[in-house]
Amino acid sequence: MEKKEKKVNTEHNEATVDTFELEKKIVLELKNIYDPEIPAVNIYDLGLIYEIDVKENGSVLLKMTLTAPNCPIADQILNEVDQRIRAVPGVKDLDLVLTFDPPWDKSMMSEEALLMLGML
């Protein structure tokens, strides 16, 4: 697999980023964020992250859900995701989209999460 190097476009003076590497950094950061109601498993392994789309200009679209639409700590989780992803080096802009389509269910959890919660 060919690795995309970080390049600088001198014509427009805009830096482009290695989107694959930036996505890896974002995933690592998401794996450090926990739903306080399910503190044993991070939000990534819970299956709350539906899409991560990283553009070469450093803008990121992150689509996520919550375990329930009436989650009492939704604002807390969304604020933490927003702050921590914006702090990842290389992220220039973040469009954080909350969706409930499709609704979350336990089938979206990783095997590791299922094992941690004794569901496997």
PDB file of N, CA and C in Angstrom:
ATOM      1  N   MET A   1       0.849  -1.172   0.000  1.00  0.00           N
ATOM      2  CA  MET A   1       0.000   0.000   0.000  1.00  0.00           C
ATOM      3  C   MET A   1       0.893   1.232   0.000  1.00  0.00           C
ATOM      4  N   GLU A   2       0.618   2.143  -0.877  1.00  0.00           N
ATOM      5  CA  GLU A   2       1.404   3.361  -1.004  1.00  0.00           C
ATOM      6  C   GLU A   2       0.980   4.355   0.064  1.00  0.00           C
ATOM      7  N   LYS A   3       1.944   4.902   0.765  1.00  0.00           N
ATOM      8  CA  LYS A   3       1.656   5.873   1.811  1.00  0.00           C
ATOM      9  C   LYS A   3       1.635   7.267   1.215  1.00  0.00           C
ATOM     10  N   LYS A   4       0.573   8.007   1.533  1.00  0.00           N
ATOM     11  CA  LYS A   4       0.450   9.375   1.028  1.00  0.00           C
ATOM     12  C   LYS A   4       1.249  10.291   1.953  1.00  0.00           C
ATOM     13  N   GLU A   5       2.151  11.025   1.385  1.00  0.00           N
ATOM     14  CA  GLU A   5       2.989  11.936   2.161  1.00  0.00           C
ATOM     15  C   GLU A   5       2.276  13.254   2.393  1.00  0.00           C
ATOM     16  N   LYS A   6       2.654  13.917   3.476  1.00  0.00           N
ATOM     17  CA  LYS A   6       2.142  15.265   3.708  1.00  0.00           C
ATOM     18  C   LYS A   6       2.830  16.170   2.701  1.00  0.00           C
ATOM     19  N   LYS A   7       2.027  16.920   1.954  1.00  0.00           N
ATOM     20  CA  LYS A   7       2.569  17.770   0.904  1.00  0.00           C
ATOM     21  C   LYS A   7       2.161  19.216   1.166  1.00  0.00           C
ATOM     22  N   VAL A   8       2.930  20.095   0.631  1.00  0.00           N
ATOM     23  CA  VAL A   8       2.565  21.508   0.693  1.00  0.00           C
ATOM     24  C   VAL A   8       2.379  21.989  -0.735  1.00  0.00           C
ATOM     25  N   ASN A   9       1.216  22.524  -1.001  1.00  0.00           N
ATOM     26  CA  ASN A   9       0.898  23.061  -2.313  1.00  0.00           C
ATOM     27  C   ASN A   9       1.322  24.527  -2.296  1.00  0.00           C
ATOM     28  N   THR A  10       2.477  24.799  -2.858  1.00  0.00           N
ATOM     29  CA  THR A  10       2.998  26.165  -2.806  1.00  0.00           C
ATOM     30  C   THR A  10       2.206  27.116  -3.681  1.00  0.00           C
ATOM     31  N   GLU A  11       1.544  26.580  -4.699  1.00  0.00           N
ATOM     32  CA  GLU A  11       0.758  27.426  -5.585  1.00  0.00           C
ATOM     33  C   GLU A  11      -0.380  28.113  -4.830  1.00  0.00           C
ATOM     34  N   HIS A  12      -1.051  27.383  -3.944  1.00  0.00           N
ATOM     35  CA  HIS A  12      -2.158  27.943  -3.175  1.00  0.00           C
ATOM     36  C   HIS A  12      -1.799  28.134  -1.706  1.00  0.00           C
ATOM     37  N   ASN A  13      -0.588  27.730  -1.334  1.00  0.00           N
ATOM     38  CA  ASN A  13      -0.102  27.848   0.033  1.00  0.00           C
ATOM     39  C   ASN A  13      -1.027  27.143   1.034  1.00  0.00           C
ATOM     40  N   GLU A  14      -1.569  25.980   0.640  1.00  0.00           N
ATOM     41  CA  GLU A  14      -2.424  25.191   1.510  1.00  0.00           C
ATOM     42  C   GLU A  14      -1.754  23.843   1.746  1.00  0.00           C
ATOM     43  N   ALA A  15      -1.670  23.439   2.996  1.00  0.00           N
ATOM     44  CA  ALA A  15      -1.091  22.144   3.313  1.00  0.00           C
ATOM     45  C   ALA A  15      -2.144  21.060   3.121  1.00  0.00           C
ATOM     46  N   THR A  16      -1.716  19.917   2.601  1.00  0.00           N
ATOM     47  CA  THR A  16      -2.600  18.765   2.543  1.00  0.00           C
ATOM     48  C   THR A  16      -2.088  17.757   3.563  1.00  0.00           C
ATOM     49  N   VAL A  17      -2.996  16.958   4.079  1.00  0.00           N
ATOM     50  CA  VAL A  17      -2.619  16.020   5.123  1.00  0.00           C
ATOM     51  C   VAL A  17      -2.739  14.589   4.624  1.00  0.00           C
ATOM     52  N   ASP A  18      -2.058  13.706   5.294  1.00  0.00           N
ATOM     53  CA  ASP A  18      -2.162  12.278   5.047  1.00  0.00           C
ATOM     54  C   ASP A  18      -3.472  11.835   5.697  1.00  0.00           C
ATOM     55  N   THR A  19      -4.495  11.657   4.897  1.00  0.00           N
ATOM     56  CA  THR A  19      -5.829  11.382   5.432  1.00  0.00           C
ATOM     57  C   THR A  19      -5.893  10.063   6.194  1.00  0.00           C
ATOM     58  N   PHE A  20      -5.153   9.066   5.725  1.00  0.00           N
ATOM     59  CA  PHE A  20      -5.136   7.767   6.407  1.00  0.00           C
ATOM     60  C   PHE A  20      -4.545   7.900   7.810  1.00  0.00           C
ATOM     61  N   GLU A  21      -3.431   8.589   7.915  1.00  0.00           N
ATOM     62  CA  GLU A  21      -2.781   8.780   9.220  1.00  0.00           C
ATOM     63  C   GLU A  21      -3.649   9.627  10.151  1.00  0.00           C
ATOM     64  N   LEU A  22      -4.276  10.652   9.604  1.00  0.00           N
ATOM     65  CA  LEU A  22      -5.136  11.503  10.432  1.00  0.00           C
ATOM     66  C   LEU A  22      -6.343  10.716  10.933  1.00  0.00           C
ATOM     67  N   GLU A  23      -6.904   9.876  10.083  1.00  0.00           N
ATOM     68  CA  GLU A  23      -8.029   9.047  10.524  1.00  0.00           C
ATOM     69  C   GLU A  23      -7.599   8.101  11.642  1.00  0.00           C
ATOM     70  N   LYS A  24      -6.406   7.535  11.533  1.00  0.00           N
ATOM     71  CA  LYS A  24      -5.895   6.660  12.596  1.00  0.00           C
ATOM     72  C   LYS A  24      -5.775   7.420  13.917  1.00  0.00           C
ATOM     73  N   LYS A  25      -5.285   8.652  13.865  1.00  0.00           N
ATOM     74  CA  LYS A  25      -5.163   9.469  15.080  1.00  0.00           C
ATOM     75  C   LYS A  25      -6.540   9.764  15.681  1.00  0.00           C
ATOM     76  N   ILE A  26      -7.501  10.020  14.819  1.00  0.00           N
ATOM     77  CA  ILE A  26      -8.867  10.305  15.276  1.00  0.00           C
ATOM     78  C   ILE A  26      -9.455   9.076  15.957  1.00  0.00           C
ATOM     79  N   VAL A  27      -9.278   7.911  15.350  1.00  0.00           N
ATOM     80  CA  VAL A  27      -9.790   6.673  15.946  1.00  0.00           C
ATOM     81  C   VAL A  27      -9.142   6.433  17.307  1.00  0.00           C
ATOM     82  N   LEU A  28      -7.840   6.649  17.396  1.00  0.00           N
ATOM     83  CA  LEU A  28      -7.161   6.477  18.688  1.00  0.00           C
ATOM     84  C   LEU A  28      -7.740   7.415  19.741  1.00  0.00           C
ATOM     85  N   GLU A  29      -8.046   8.632  19.346  1.00  0.00           N
ATOM     86  CA  GLU A  29      -8.638   9.587  20.291  1.00  0.00           C
ATOM     87  C   GLU A  29     -10.041   9.150  20.687  1.00  0.00           C
ATOM     88  N   LEU A  30     -10.826   8.678  19.728  1.00  0.00           N
ATOM     89  CA  LEU A  30     -12.186   8.207  20.031  1.00  0.00           C
ATOM     90  C   LEU A  30     -12.159   7.016  20.986  1.00  0.00           C
ATOM     91  N   LYS A  31     -11.108   6.222  20.909  1.00  0.00           N
ATOM     92  CA  LYS A  31     -10.987   5.062  21.798  1.00  0.00           C
ATOM     93  C   LYS A  31     -10.616   5.474  23.224  1.00  0.00           C
ATOM     94  N   ASN A  32     -10.421   6.760  23.438  1.00  0.00           N
ATOM     95  CA  ASN A  32     -10.155   7.277  24.782  1.00  0.00           C
ATOM     96  C   ASN A  32     -11.344   8.050  25.345  1.00  0.00           C
ATOM     97  N   ILE A  33     -12.481   7.964  24.672  1.00  0.00           N
ATOM     98  CA  ILE A  33     -13.689   8.654  25.118  1.00  0.00           C
ATOM     99  C   ILE A  33     -14.710   7.592  25.523  1.00  0.00           C
ATOM    100  N   TYR A  34     -15.269   7.768  26.705  1.00  0.00           N
ATOM    101  CA  TYR A  34     -16.194   6.781  27.261  1.00  0.00           C
ATOM    102  C   TYR A  34     -17.541   7.411  27.568  1.00  0.00           C
ATOM    103  N   ASP A  35     -18.589   6.637  27.362  1.00  0.00           N
ATOM    104  CA  ASP A  35     -19.929   7.014  27.784  1.00  0.00           C
ATOM    105  C   ASP A  35     -19.966   6.758  29.285  1.00  0.00           C
ATOM    106  N   PRO A  36     -20.192   7.788  30.100  1.00  0.00           N
ATOM    107  CA  PRO A  36     -20.180   7.591  31.555  1.00  0.00           C
ATOM    108  C   PRO A  36     -21.176   6.531  32.045  1.00  0.00           C
ATOM    109  N   GLU A  37     -22.194   6.250  31.240  1.00  0.00           N
ATOM    110  CA  GLU A  37     -23.154   5.233  31.643  1.00  0.00           C
ATOM    111  C   GLU A  37     -22.670   3.815  31.307  1.00  0.00           C
ATOM    112  N   ILE A  38     -21.660   3.710  30.429  1.00  0.00           N
ATOM    113  CA  ILE A  38     -21.060   2.416  30.080  1.00  0.00           C
ATOM    114  C   ILE A  38     -19.537   2.603  30.122  1.00  0.00           C
ATOM    115  N   PRO A  39     -18.977   2.833  31.301  1.00  0.00           N
ATOM    116  CA  PRO A  39     -17.566   3.232  31.394  1.00  0.00           C
ATOM    117  C   PRO A  39     -16.544   2.147  31.054  1.00  0.00           C
ATOM    118  N   ALA A  40     -16.980   0.919  30.871  1.00  0.00           N
ATOM    119  CA  ALA A  40     -16.031  -0.156  30.589  1.00  0.00           C
ATOM    120  C   ALA A  40     -15.576  -0.183  29.134  1.00  0.00           C
ATOM    121  N   VAL A  41     -16.331   0.482  28.241  1.00  0.00           N
ATOM    122  CA  VAL A  41     -16.038   0.396  26.809  1.00  0.00           C
ATOM    123  C   VAL A  41     -16.082   1.791  26.187  1.00  0.00           C
ATOM    124  N   ASN A  42     -15.102   2.079  25.332  1.00  0.00           N
ATOM    125  CA  ASN A  42     -15.045   3.387  24.672  1.00  0.00           C
ATOM    126  C   ASN A  42     -16.135   3.509  23.603  1.00  0.00           C
ATOM    127  N   ILE A  43     -16.403   4.747  23.189  1.00  0.00           N
ATOM    128  CA  ILE A  43     -17.500   4.998  22.246  1.00  0.00           C
ATOM    129  C   ILE A  43     -17.243   4.397  20.865  1.00  0.00           C
ATOM    130  N   TYR A  44     -15.986   4.231  20.493  1.00  0.00           N
ATOM    131  CA  TYR A  44     -15.672   3.641  19.194  1.00  0.00           C
ATOM    132  C   TYR A  44     -16.044   2.158  19.196  1.00  0.00           C
ATOM    133  N   ASP A  45     -15.604   1.429  20.213  1.00  0.00           N
ATOM    134  CA  ASP A  45     -15.907   0.007  20.292  1.00  0.00           C
ATOM    135  C   ASP A  45     -17.370  -0.264  20.618  1.00  0.00           C
ATOM    136  N   LEU A  46     -18.046   0.707  21.207  1.00  0.00           N
ATOM    137  CA  LEU A  46     -19.483   0.563  21.423  1.00  0.00           C
ATOM    138  C   LEU A  46     -20.250   0.626  20.103  1.00  0.00           C
ATOM    139  N   GLY A  47     -19.608   1.120  19.064  1.00  0.00           N
ATOM    140  CA  GLY A  47     -20.260   1.218  17.755  1.00  0.00           C
ATOM    141  C   GLY A  47     -21.021   2.512  17.575  1.00  0.00           C
ATOM    142  N   LEU A  48     -20.657   3.535  18.361  1.00  0.00           N
ATOM    143  CA  LEU A  48     -21.358   4.813  18.265  1.00  0.00           C
ATOM    144  C   LEU A  48     -20.859   5.688  17.119  1.00  0.00           C
ATOM    145  N   ILE A  49     -19.723   5.322  16.526  1.00  0.00           N
ATOM    146  CA  ILE A  49     -19.169   6.101  15.427  1.00  0.00           C
ATOM    147  C   ILE A  49     -19.577   5.434  14.115  1.00  0.00           C
ATOM    148  N   TYR A  50     -20.358   6.145  13.311  1.00  0.00           N
ATOM    149  CA  TYR A  50     -20.861   5.602  12.051  1.00  0.00           C
ATOM    150  C   TYR A  50     -19.966   5.935  10.868  1.00  0.00           C
ATOM    151  N   GLU A  51     -19.327   7.092  10.893  1.00  0.00           N
ATOM    152  CA  GLU A  51     -18.519   7.501   9.731  1.00  0.00           C
ATOM    153  C   GLU A  51     -17.463   8.500  10.161  1.00  0.00           C
ATOM    154  N   ILE A  52     -16.265   8.331   9.601  1.00  0.00           N
ATOM    155  CA  ILE A  52     -15.184   9.308   9.742  1.00  0.00           C
ATOM    156  C   ILE A  52     -14.703   9.592   8.324  1.00  0.00           C
ATOM    157  N   ASP A  53     -14.895  10.817   7.869  1.00  0.00           N
ATOM    158  CA  ASP A  53     -14.478  11.201   6.524  1.00  0.00           C
ATOM    159  C   ASP A  53     -13.480  12.349   6.656  1.00  0.00           C
ATOM    160  N   VAL A  54     -12.225  12.057   6.324  1.00  0.00           N
ATOM    161  CA  VAL A  54     -11.148  13.042   6.445  1.00  0.00           C
ATOM    162  C   VAL A  54     -10.783  13.538   5.054  1.00  0.00           C
ATOM    163  N   LYS A  55     -10.798  14.840   4.875  1.00  0.00           N
ATOM    164  CA  LYS A  55     -10.417  15.460   3.601  1.00  0.00           C
ATOM    165  C   LYS A  55      -8.947  15.867   3.660  1.00  0.00           C
ATOM    166  N   GLU A  56      -8.340  16.043   2.481  1.00  0.00           N
ATOM    167  CA  GLU A  56      -6.924  16.411   2.411  1.00  0.00           C
ATOM    168  C   GLU A  56      -6.622  17.771   3.014  1.00  0.00           C
ATOM    169  N   ASN A  57      -7.646  18.625   3.139  1.00  0.00           N
ATOM    170  CA  ASN A  57      -7.416  19.939   3.740  1.00  0.00           C
ATOM    171  C   ASN A  57      -7.524  19.913   5.263  1.00  0.00           C
ATOM    172  N   GLY A  58      -7.744  18.730   5.841  1.00  0.00           N
ATOM    173  CA  GLY A  58      -7.815  18.599   7.289  1.00  0.00           C
ATOM    174  C   GLY A  58      -9.210  18.748   7.863  1.00  0.00           C
ATOM    175  N   SER A  59     -10.213  18.918   7.011  1.00  0.00           N
ATOM    176  CA  SER A  59     -11.581  18.977   7.532  1.00  0.00           C
ATOM    177  C   SER A  59     -12.088  17.548   7.722  1.00  0.00           C
ATOM    178  N   VAL A  60     -12.884  17.369   8.767  1.00  0.00           N
ATOM    179  CA  VAL A  60     -13.347  16.041   9.146  1.00  0.00           C
ATOM    180  C   VAL A  60     -14.863  16.062   9.314  1.00  0.00           C
ATOM    181  N   LEU A  61     -15.508  15.059   8.736  1.00  0.00           N
ATOM    182  CA  LEU A  61     -16.926  14.802   8.977  1.00  0.00           C
ATOM    183  C   LEU A  61     -16.980  13.573   9.861  1.00  0.00           C
ATOM    184  N   LEU A  62     -17.605  13.700  11.020  1.00  0.00           N
ATOM    185  CA  LEU A  62     -17.740  12.580  11.927  1.00  0.00           C
ATOM    186  C   LEU A  62     -19.220  12.400  12.235  1.00  0.00           C
ATOM    187  N   LYS A  63     -19.777  11.253  11.813  1.00  0.00           N
ATOM    188  CA  LYS A  63     -21.169  10.932  12.105  1.00  0.00           C
ATOM    189  C   LYS A  63     -21.193   9.931  13.238  1.00  0.00           C
ATOM    190  N   MET A  64     -22.015  10.220  14.222  1.00  0.00           N
ATOM    191  CA  MET A  64     -22.095   9.319  15.361  1.00  0.00           C
ATOM    192  C   MET A  64     -23.523   9.254  15.879  1.00  0.00           C
ATOM    193  N   THR A  65     -23.738   8.325  16.778  1.00  0.00           N
ATOM    194  CA  THR A  65     -25.023   8.167  17.417  1.00  0.00           C
ATOM    195  C   THR A  65     -24.810   8.015  18.912  1.00  0.00           C
ATOM    196  N   LEU A  66     -25.880   7.808  19.612  1.00  0.00           N
ATOM    197  CA  LEU A  66     -25.842   7.512  21.043  1.00  0.00           C
ATOM    198  C   LEU A  66     -26.625   6.230  21.261  1.00  0.00           C
ATOM    199  N   THR A  67     -26.473   5.630  22.424  1.00  0.00           N
ATOM    200  CA  THR A  67     -27.169   4.368  22.670  1.00  0.00           C
ATOM    201  C   THR A  67     -28.679   4.558  22.723  1.00  0.00           C
ATOM    202  N   ALA A  68     -29.125   5.781  23.010  1.00  0.00           N
ATOM    203  CA  ALA A  68     -30.565   6.077  23.045  1.00  0.00           C
ATOM    204  C   ALA A  68     -30.781   7.546  22.710  1.00  0.00           C
ATOM    205  N   PRO A  69     -31.852   7.867  21.977  1.00  0.00           N
ATOM    206  CA  PRO A  69     -32.119   9.266  21.618  1.00  0.00           C
ATOM    207  C   PRO A  69     -32.327  10.180  22.829  1.00  0.00           C
ATOM    208  N   ASN A  70     -32.795   9.633  23.927  1.00  0.00           N
ATOM    209  CA  ASN A  70     -33.048  10.442  25.116  1.00  0.00           C
ATOM    210  C   ASN A  70     -31.905  10.354  26.126  1.00  0.00           C
ATOM    211  N   CYS A  71     -30.704  10.104  25.655  1.00  0.00           N
ATOM    212  CA  CYS A  71     -29.527   9.978  26.514  1.00  0.00           C
ATOM    213  C   CYS A  71     -29.377  11.242  27.365  1.00  0.00           C
ATOM    214  N   PRO A  72     -29.376  11.101  28.690  1.00  0.00           N
ATOM    215  CA  PRO A  72     -29.315  12.275  29.560  1.00  0.00           C
ATOM    216  C   PRO A  72     -27.971  13.016  29.528  1.00  0.00           C
ATOM    217  N   ILE A  73     -26.944  12.361  29.019  1.00  0.00           N
ATOM    218  CA  ILE A  73     -25.620  13.000  28.983  1.00  0.00           C
ATOM    219  C   ILE A  73     -25.144  13.242  27.556  1.00  0.00           C
ATOM    220  N   ALA A  74     -26.088  13.349  26.629  1.00  0.00           N
ATOM    221  CA  ALA A  74     -25.749  13.545  25.218  1.00  0.00           C
ATOM    222  C   ALA A  74     -24.837  14.756  25.028  1.00  0.00           C
ATOM    223  N   ASP A  75     -25.201  15.883  25.625  1.00  0.00           N
ATOM    224  CA  ASP A  75     -24.384  17.096  25.457  1.00  0.00           C
ATOM    225  C   ASP A  75     -22.963  16.889  25.950  1.00  0.00           C
ATOM    226  N   GLN A  76     -22.814  16.209  27.068  1.00  0.00           N
ATOM    227  CA  GLN A  76     -21.484  15.959  27.638  1.00  0.00           C
ATOM    228  C   GLN A  76     -20.632  15.129  26.671  1.00  0.00           C
ATOM    229  N   ILE A  77     -21.199  14.072  26.120  1.00  0.00           N
ATOM    230  CA  ILE A  77     -20.450  13.212  25.201  1.00  0.00           C
ATOM    231  C   ILE A  77     -20.098  13.966  23.925  1.00  0.00           C
ATOM    232  N   LEU A  78     -21.071  14.669  23.350  1.00  0.00           N
ATOM    233  CA  LEU A  78     -20.829  15.412  22.107  1.00  0.00           C
ATOM    234  C   LEU A  78     -19.789  16.507  22.306  1.00  0.00           C
ATOM    235  N   ASN A  79     -19.839  17.200  23.423  1.00  0.00           N
ATOM    236  CA  ASN A  79     -18.843  18.243  23.707  1.00  0.00           C
ATOM    237  C   ASN A  79     -17.452  17.647  23.835  1.00  0.00           C
ATOM    238  N   GLU A  80     -17.350  16.502  24.508  1.00  0.00           N
ATOM    239  CA  GLU A  80     -16.042  15.870  24.660  1.00  0.00           C
ATOM    240  C   GLU A  80     -15.500  15.410  23.308  1.00  0.00           C
ATOM    241  N   VAL A  81     -16.347  14.796  22.485  1.00  0.00           N
ATOM    242  CA  VAL A  81     -15.915  14.369  21.153  1.00  0.00           C
ATOM    243  C   VAL A  81     -15.446  15.584  20.353  1.00  0.00           C
ATOM    244  N   ASP A  82     -16.244  16.643  20.350  1.00  0.00           N
ATOM    245  CA  ASP A  82     -15.903  17.851  19.597  1.00  0.00           C
ATOM    246  C   ASP A  82     -14.549  18.417  20.043  1.00  0.00           C
ATOM    247  N   GLN A  83     -14.370  18.595  21.332  1.00  0.00           N
ATOM    248  CA  GLN A  83     -13.133  19.195  21.848  1.00  0.00           C
ATOM    249  C   GLN A  83     -11.921  18.320  21.570  1.00  0.00           C
ATOM    250  N   ARG A  84     -12.057  17.017  21.799  1.00  0.00           N
ATOM    251  CA  ARG A  84     -10.896  16.141  21.653  1.00  0.00           C
ATOM    252  C   ARG A  84     -10.512  15.918  20.192  1.00  0.00           C
ATOM    253  N   ILE A  85     -11.492  15.835  19.295  1.00  0.00           N
ATOM    254  CA  ILE A  85     -11.155  15.634  17.881  1.00  0.00           C
ATOM    255  C   ILE A  85     -10.582  16.917  17.292  1.00  0.00           C
ATOM    256  N   ARG A  86     -11.113  18.066  17.664  1.00  0.00           N
ATOM    257  CA  ARG A  86     -10.542  19.335  17.177  1.00  0.00           C
ATOM    258  C   ARG A  86      -9.100  19.528  17.653  1.00  0.00           C
ATOM    259  N   ALA A  87      -8.738  18.895  18.767  1.00  0.00           N
ATOM    260  CA  ALA A  87      -7.387  19.024  19.317  1.00  0.00           C
ATOM    261  C   ALA A  87      -6.386  18.067  18.666  1.00  0.00           C
ATOM    262  N   VAL A  88      -6.854  17.138  17.854  1.00  0.00           N
ATOM    263  CA  VAL A  88      -5.948  16.205  17.179  1.00  0.00           C
ATOM    264  C   VAL A  88      -5.120  16.992  16.154  1.00  0.00           C
ATOM    265  N   PRO A  89      -3.793  16.888  16.219  1.00  0.00           N
ATOM    266  CA  PRO A  89      -2.958  17.597  15.248  1.00  0.00           C
ATOM    267  C   PRO A  89      -3.316  17.213  13.818  1.00  0.00           C
ATOM    268  N   GLY A  90      -3.552  18.215  12.983  1.00  0.00           N
ATOM    269  CA  GLY A  90      -3.918  17.999  11.588  1.00  0.00           C
ATOM    270  C   GLY A  90      -5.385  18.261  11.311  1.00  0.00           C
ATOM    271  N   VAL A  91      -6.227  18.204  12.351  1.00  0.00           N
ATOM    272  CA  VAL A  91      -7.654  18.490  12.165  1.00  0.00           C
ATOM    273  C   VAL A  91      -7.820  20.004  12.092  1.00  0.00           C
ATOM    274  N   LYS A  92      -8.312  20.467  10.964  1.00  0.00           N
ATOM    275  CA  LYS A  92      -8.509  21.912  10.759  1.00  0.00           C
ATOM    276  C   LYS A  92      -9.942  22.336  11.037  1.00  0.00           C
ATOM    277  N   ASP A  93     -10.890  21.436  10.782  1.00  0.00           N
ATOM    278  CA  ASP A  93     -12.298  21.748  10.990  1.00  0.00           C
ATOM    279  C   ASP A  93     -13.025  20.432  11.245  1.00  0.00           C
ATOM    280  N   LEU A  94     -14.093  20.495  12.040  1.00  0.00           N
ATOM    281  CA  LEU A  94     -14.862  19.299  12.362  1.00  0.00           C
ATOM    282  C   LEU A  94     -16.337  19.580  12.170  1.00  0.00           C
ATOM    283  N   ASP A  95     -16.989  18.712  11.408  1.00  0.00           N
ATOM    284  CA  ASP A  95     -18.437  18.729  11.269  1.00  0.00           C
ATOM    285  C   ASP A  95     -18.934  17.486  11.997  1.00  0.00           C
ATOM    286  N   LEU A  96     -19.433  17.665  13.213  1.00  0.00           N
ATOM    287  CA  LEU A  96     -19.904  16.569  14.049  1.00  0.00           C
ATOM    288  C   LEU A  96     -21.407  16.437  13.863  1.00  0.00           C
ATOM    289  N   VAL A  97     -21.824  15.283  13.338  1.00  0.00           N
ATOM    290  CA  VAL A  97     -23.225  15.051  13.019  1.00  0.00           C
ATOM    291  C   VAL A  97     -23.758  13.942  13.921  1.00  0.00           C
ATOM    292  N   LEU A  98     -24.821  14.242  14.648  1.00  0.00           N
ATOM    293  CA  LEU A  98     -25.487  13.251  15.476  1.00  0.00           C
ATOM    294  C   LEU A  98     -26.675  12.703  14.693  1.00  0.00           C
ATOM    295  N   THR A  99     -26.753  11.378  14.595  1.00  0.00           N
ATOM    296  CA  THR A  99     -27.843  10.745  13.867  1.00  0.00           C
ATOM    297  C   THR A  99     -28.379   9.561  14.663  1.00  0.00           C
ATOM    298  N   PHE A 100     -29.606   9.222  14.417  1.00  0.00           N
ATOM    299  CA  PHE A 100     -30.197   8.029  15.015  1.00  0.00           C
ATOM    300  C   PHE A 100     -30.722   7.099  13.923  1.00  0.00           C
ATOM    301  N   ASP A 101     -30.149   7.243  12.735  1.00  0.00           N
ATOM    302  CA  ASP A 101     -30.531   6.418  11.603  1.00  0.00           C
ATOM    303  C   ASP A 101     -29.283   5.785  11.010  1.00  0.00           C
ATOM    304  N   PRO A 102     -29.048   4.530  11.205  1.00  0.00           N
ATOM    305  CA  PRO A 102     -29.913   3.581  11.888  1.00  0.00           C
ATOM    306  C   PRO A 102     -29.777   3.710  13.401  1.00  0.00           C
ATOM    307  N   PRO A 103     -30.808   3.281  14.119  1.00  0.00           N
ATOM    308  CA  PRO A 103     -30.727   3.316  15.577  1.00  0.00           C
ATOM    309  C   PRO A 103     -29.639   2.351  16.061  1.00  0.00           C
ATOM    310  N   TRP A 104     -28.956   2.746  17.120  1.00  0.00           N
ATOM    311  CA  TRP A 104     -27.908   1.900  17.687  1.00  0.00           C
ATOM    312  C   TRP A 104     -28.524   0.671  18.341  1.00  0.00           C
ATOM    313  N   ASP A 105     -27.834  -0.455  18.200  1.00  0.00           N
ATOM    314  CA  ASP A 105     -28.168  -1.644  18.983  1.00  0.00           C
ATOM    315  C   ASP A 105     -26.870  -2.406  19.245  1.00  0.00           C
ATOM    316  N   LYS A 106     -26.923  -3.401  20.102  1.00  0.00           N
ATOM    317  CA  LYS A 106     -25.693  -4.071  20.541  1.00  0.00           C
ATOM    318  C   LYS A 106     -24.958  -4.797  19.420  1.00  0.00           C
ATOM    319  N   SER A 107     -25.614  -5.043  18.282  1.00  0.00           N
ATOM    320  CA  SER A 107     -24.927  -5.692  17.167  1.00  0.00           C
ATOM    321  C   SER A 107     -23.843  -4.797  16.566  1.00  0.00           C
ATOM    322  N   MET A 108     -23.862  -3.515  16.894  1.00  0.00           N
ATOM    323  CA  MET A 108     -22.876  -2.568  16.368  1.00  0.00           C
ATOM    324  C   MET A 108     -21.590  -2.545  17.192  1.00  0.00           C
ATOM    325  N   MET A 109     -21.612  -3.234  18.322  1.00  0.00           N
ATOM    326  CA  MET A 109     -20.448  -3.256  19.200  1.00  0.00           C
ATOM    327  C   MET A 109     -19.371  -4.189  18.645  1.00  0.00           C
ATOM    328  N   SER A 110     -18.116  -3.849  18.921  1.00  0.00           N
ATOM    329  CA  SER A 110     -17.006  -4.716  18.518  1.00  0.00           C
ATOM    330  C   SER A 110     -17.021  -5.973  19.386  1.00  0.00           C
ATOM    331  N   GLU A 111     -16.333  -7.017  18.922  1.00  0.00           N
ATOM    332  CA  GLU A 111     -16.220  -8.242  19.721  1.00  0.00           C
ATOM    333  C   GLU A 111     -15.566  -7.945  21.057  1.00  0.00           C
ATOM    334  N   GLU A 112     -14.583  -7.059  21.043  1.00  0.00           N
ATOM    335  CA  GLU A 112     -13.890  -6.680  22.274  1.00  0.00           C
ATOM    336  C   GLU A 112     -14.871  -6.067  23.276  1.00  0.00           C
ATOM    337  N   ALA A 113     -15.759  -5.188  22.791  1.00  0.00           N
ATOM    338  CA  ALA A 113     -16.742  -4.558  23.661  1.00  0.00           C
ATOM    339  C   ALA A 113     -17.712  -5.597  24.219  1.00  0.00           C
ATOM    340  N   LEU A 114     -18.173  -6.492  23.361  1.00  0.00           N
ATOM    341  CA  LEU A 114     -19.087  -7.539  23.810  1.00  0.00           C
ATOM    342  C   LEU A 114     -18.430  -8.404  24.889  1.00  0.00           C
ATOM    343  N   LEU A 115     -17.168  -8.713  24.691  1.00  0.00           N
ATOM    344  CA  LEU A 115     -16.430  -9.514  25.661  1.00  0.00           C
ATOM    345  C   LEU A 115     -16.271  -8.767  26.980  1.00  0.00           C
ATOM    346  N   MET A 116     -15.911  -7.479  26.889  1.00  0.00           N
ATOM    347  CA  MET A 116     -15.729  -6.647  28.105  1.00  0.00           C
ATOM    348  C   MET A 116     -17.008  -6.546  28.919  1.00  0.00           C
ATOM    349  N   LEU A 117     -18.157  -6.537  28.234  1.00  0.00           N
ATOM    350  CA  LEU A 117     -19.433  -6.401  28.920  1.00  0.00           C
ATOM    351  C   LEU A 117     -20.096  -7.737  29.223  1.00  0.00           C
ATOM    352  N   GLY A 118     -19.356  -8.840  28.973  1.00  0.00           N
ATOM    353  CA  GLY A 118     -19.873 -10.162  29.268  1.00  0.00           C
ATOM    354  C   GLY A 118     -21.031 -10.586  28.396  1.00  0.00           C
ATOM    355  N   MET A 119     -21.065 -10.087  27.170  1.00  0.00           N
ATOM    356  CA  MET A 119     -22.166 -10.403  26.259  1.00  0.00           C
ATOM    357  C   MET A 119     -21.758 -11.395  25.171  1.00  0.00           C
ATOM    358  N   LEU A 120     -20.563 -11.946  25.292  1.00  0.00           N
ATOM    359  CA  LEU A 120     -20.077 -12.862  24.265  1.00  0.00           C
ATOM    360  C   LEU A 120     -19.834 -14.224  24.879  1.00  0.00           C
TER     361      LEU A 120
END
